[in-house]
Amino acid sequence: MTICRHLLFVFLMATTSIAFPQILGPEFKRLTTKEGLSQGHVNSILKDHEGFMWFTTDDGLNKYDGYKFTVYKNDPDIEESISNNFIYDVIEDSNNNLWVGTASGLDKFKPREK
């Protein structure tokens, strides 16, 4: 009787693991202009030292905090704003400064809180 129980247990474990595989594929979350991204063509992505995600686009620098986007664009009335909305790349240096490569050149970027 004990052997039958063991065989039944082994059979159930084997069929359960085949019927319900534990390996799941990756899940993707799409972030688009509907979620606040300034433009659909992303040129580069950076995760900074605080965990914020930065997306460079052909129409602004986008900071994503996991919930919403903050978009930084050139404002001709503010000299300290980003120099151009067409942004190629962004990197972070060892001092946590962001360097933004735009169509107008290289900007050292320190965001103002909105």
C-alpha atoms as a PDB file:
ATOM      1  CA  MET A   1       0.000   0.000   0.000  1.00  0.00           C
ATOM      2  CA  THR A   2       2.820   2.391   0.823  1.00  0.00           C
ATOM      3  CA  ILE A   3       4.465   1.788  -2.564  1.00  0.00           C
ATOM      4  CA  CYS A   4       1.191   2.647  -4.289  1.00  0.00           C
ATOM      5  CA  ARG A   5       0.977   5.924  -2.388  1.00  0.00           C
ATOM      6  CA  HIS A   6       4.548   6.802  -3.334  1.00  0.00           C
ATOM      7  CA  LEU A   7       3.912   5.954  -6.994  1.00  0.00           C
ATOM      8  CA  LEU A   8       0.706   7.993  -6.966  1.00  0.00           C
ATOM      9  CA  PHE A   9       2.570  10.943  -5.412  1.00  0.00           C
ATOM     10  CA  VAL A  10       5.365  10.734  -8.001  1.00  0.00           C
ATOM     11  CA  PHE A  11       2.814  10.465 -10.825  1.00  0.00           C
ATOM     12  CA  LEU A  12       0.858  13.496  -9.587  1.00  0.00           C
ATOM     13  CA  MET A  13       4.014  15.580  -9.163  1.00  0.00           C
ATOM     14  CA  ALA A  14       5.244  14.675 -12.636  1.00  0.00           C
ATOM     15  CA  THR A  15       1.937  15.430 -14.371  1.00  0.00           C
ATOM     16  CA  THR A  16       1.394  18.647 -12.416  1.00  0.00           C
ATOM     17  CA  SER A  17       4.793  20.044 -13.329  1.00  0.00           C
ATOM     18  CA  ILE A  18       4.212  19.206 -16.997  1.00  0.00           C
ATOM     19  CA  ALA A  19       0.700  20.655 -17.046  1.00  0.00           C
ATOM     20  CA  PHE A  20       1.630  23.849 -15.189  1.00  0.00           C
ATOM     21  CA  PRO A  21       5.137  24.922 -16.178  1.00  0.00           C
ATOM     22  CA  GLN A  22       6.755  27.448 -13.858  1.00  0.00           C
ATOM     23  CA  ILE A  23       8.803  29.201 -16.525  1.00  0.00           C
ATOM     24  CA  LEU A  24       7.158  32.463 -17.551  1.00  0.00           C
ATOM     25  CA  GLY A  25       8.269  34.698 -20.390  1.00  0.00           C
ATOM     26  CA  PRO A  26       9.277  38.340 -19.899  1.00  0.00           C
ATOM     27  CA  GLU A  27       6.611  40.982 -19.534  1.00  0.00           C
ATOM     28  CA  PHE A  28       6.923  44.275 -21.354  1.00  0.00           C
ATOM     29  CA  LYS A  29       5.357  47.560 -20.327  1.00  0.00           C
ATOM     30  CA  ARG A  30       5.030  50.078 -23.120  1.00  0.00           C
ATOM     31  CA  LEU A  31       5.727  53.730 -22.431  1.00  0.00           C
ATOM     32  CA  THR A  32       4.439  55.904 -25.255  1.00  0.00           C
ATOM     33  CA  THR A  33       3.237  59.429 -25.871  1.00  0.00           C
ATOM     34  CA  LYS A  34      -0.051  58.349 -24.264  1.00  0.00           C
ATOM     35  CA  GLU A  35       1.851  57.998 -20.966  1.00  0.00           C
ATOM     36  CA  GLY A  36       3.581  61.363 -21.440  1.00  0.00           C
ATOM     37  CA  LEU A  37       6.715  60.597 -23.456  1.00  0.00           C
ATOM     38  CA  SER A  38       7.371  63.741 -25.504  1.00  0.00           C
ATOM     39  CA  GLN A  39       7.994  61.923 -28.772  1.00  0.00           C
ATOM     40  CA  GLY A  40       7.883  58.314 -29.957  1.00  0.00           C
ATOM     41  CA  HIS A  41      11.438  58.104 -31.305  1.00  0.00           C
ATOM     42  CA  VAL A  42      13.811  57.427 -28.410  1.00  0.00           C
ATOM     43  CA  ASN A  43      17.507  57.954 -29.163  1.00  0.00           C
ATOM     44  CA  SER A  44      19.017  56.747 -25.878  1.00  0.00           C
ATOM     45  CA  ILE A  45      18.134  55.641 -22.355  1.00  0.00           C
ATOM     46  CA  LEU A  46      19.922  56.142 -19.037  1.00  0.00           C
ATOM     47  CA  LYS A  47      19.156  54.990 -15.503  1.00  0.00           C
ATOM     48  CA  ASP A  48      20.722  57.521 -13.127  1.00  0.00           C
ATOM     49  CA  HIS A  49      22.150  57.052  -9.624  1.00  0.00           C
ATOM     50  CA  GLU A  50      18.738  57.777  -8.052  1.00  0.00           C
ATOM     51  CA  GLY A  51      16.928  55.220 -10.209  1.00  0.00           C
ATOM     52  CA  PHE A  52      15.242  57.701 -12.542  1.00  0.00           C
ATOM     53  CA  MET A  53      15.036  56.708 -16.185  1.00  0.00           C
ATOM     54  CA  TRP A  54      16.034  59.320 -18.774  1.00  0.00           C
ATOM     55  CA  PHE A  55      14.914  59.079 -22.405  1.00  0.00           C
ATOM     56  CA  THR A  56      16.342  61.308 -25.111  1.00  0.00           C
ATOM     57  CA  THR A  57      14.069  62.040 -28.056  1.00  0.00           C
ATOM     58  CA  ASP A  58      13.833  64.255 -31.105  1.00  0.00           C
ATOM     59  CA  ASP A  59      11.573  66.519 -29.023  1.00  0.00           C
ATOM     60  CA  GLY A  60      13.003  66.849 -25.523  1.00  0.00           C
ATOM     61  CA  LEU A  61      14.660  65.138 -22.581  1.00  0.00           C
ATOM     62  CA  ASN A  62      12.246  62.931 -20.626  1.00  0.00           C
ATOM     63  CA  LYS A  63      12.648  61.900 -16.987  1.00  0.00           C
ATOM     64  CA  TYR A  64      10.538  58.942 -15.870  1.00  0.00           C
ATOM     65  CA  ASP A  65      10.064  58.303 -12.147  1.00  0.00           C
ATOM     66  CA  GLY A  66       8.173  55.037 -12.539  1.00  0.00           C
ATOM     67  CA  TYR A  67       4.796  56.774 -12.572  1.00  0.00           C
ATOM     68  CA  LYS A  68       4.969  59.848 -14.799  1.00  0.00           C
ATOM     69  CA  PHE A  69       7.181  61.725 -17.219  1.00  0.00           C
ATOM     70  CA  THR A  70       8.717  65.155 -16.741  1.00  0.00           C
ATOM     71  CA  VAL A  71       9.775  66.652 -20.067  1.00  0.00           C
ATOM     72  CA  TYR A  72      12.578  69.204 -20.371  1.00  0.00           C
ATOM     73  CA  LYS A  73      12.642  71.357 -23.502  1.00  0.00           C
ATOM     74  CA  ASN A  74      14.402  74.453 -24.712  1.00  0.00           C
ATOM     75  CA  ASP A  75      12.819  77.691 -23.556  1.00  0.00           C
ATOM     76  CA  PRO A  76      14.297  80.661 -25.440  1.00  0.00           C
ATOM     77  CA  ASP A  77      13.310  82.955 -22.562  1.00  0.00           C
ATOM     78  CA  ILE A  78      15.362  80.962 -20.035  1.00  0.00           C
ATOM     79  CA  GLU A  79      19.095  80.981 -20.723  1.00  0.00           C
ATOM     80  CA  GLU A  80      19.700  77.991 -18.423  1.00  0.00           C
ATOM     81  CA  SER A  81      17.214  75.736 -20.242  1.00  0.00           C
ATOM     82  CA  ILE A  82      18.408  72.856 -22.383  1.00  0.00           C
ATOM     83  CA  SER A  83      19.982  74.240 -25.572  1.00  0.00           C
ATOM     84  CA  ASN A  84      17.968  72.224 -28.118  1.00  0.00           C
ATOM     85  CA  ASN A  85      14.989  69.860 -28.156  1.00  0.00           C
ATOM     86  CA  PHE A  86      16.703  67.388 -30.503  1.00  0.00           C
ATOM     87  CA  ILE A  87      18.646  65.256 -28.045  1.00  0.00           C
ATOM     88  CA  TYR A  88      21.006  62.502 -29.114  1.00  0.00           C
ATOM     89  CA  ASP A  89      22.353  61.122 -25.861  1.00  0.00           C
ATOM     90  CA  VAL A  90      22.614  61.516 -22.096  1.00  0.00           C
ATOM     91  CA  ILE A  91      25.268  60.199 -19.713  1.00  0.00           C
ATOM     92  CA  GLU A  92      25.985  60.578 -16.017  1.00  0.00           C
ATOM     93  CA  ASP A  93      29.495  61.273 -14.767  1.00  0.00           C
ATOM     94  CA  SER A  94      31.121  60.155 -11.502  1.00  0.00           C
ATOM     95  CA  ASN A  95      29.869  63.349  -9.782  1.00  0.00           C
ATOM     96  CA  ASN A  96      26.242  62.538 -10.747  1.00  0.00           C
ATOM     97  CA  ASN A  97      26.099  65.338 -13.328  1.00  0.00           C
ATOM     98  CA  LEU A  98      24.016  64.680 -16.421  1.00  0.00           C
ATOM     99  CA  TRP A  99      25.618  65.527 -19.739  1.00  0.00           C
ATOM    100  CA  VAL A 100      23.193  65.925 -22.606  1.00  0.00           C
ATOM    101  CA  GLY A 101      24.251  65.780 -26.248  1.00  0.00           C
ATOM    102  CA  THR A 102      21.908  67.988 -28.284  1.00  0.00           C
ATOM    103  CA  ALA A 103      21.831  69.206 -31.868  1.00  0.00           C
ATOM    104  CA  SER A 104      23.339  72.468 -30.536  1.00  0.00           C
ATOM    105  CA  GLY A 105      26.179  70.885 -28.573  1.00  0.00           C
ATOM    106  CA  LEU A 106      26.841  69.485 -25.115  1.00  0.00           C
ATOM    107  CA  ASP A 107      24.898  70.655 -22.051  1.00  0.00           C
ATOM    108  CA  LYS A 108      25.655  70.020 -18.395  1.00  0.00           C
ATOM    109  CA  PHE A 109      22.145  69.527 -17.112  1.00  0.00           C
ATOM    110  CA  LYS A 110      20.770  70.184 -13.651  1.00  0.00           C
ATOM    111  CA  PRO A 111      16.985  69.869 -13.651  1.00  0.00           C
ATOM    112  CA  ARG A 112      14.819  72.307 -11.766  1.00  0.00           C
ATOM    113  CA  GLU A 113      12.036  70.618  -9.862  1.00  0.00           C
ATOM    114  CA  LYS A 114       8.660  71.250 -11.445  1.00  0.00           C
END
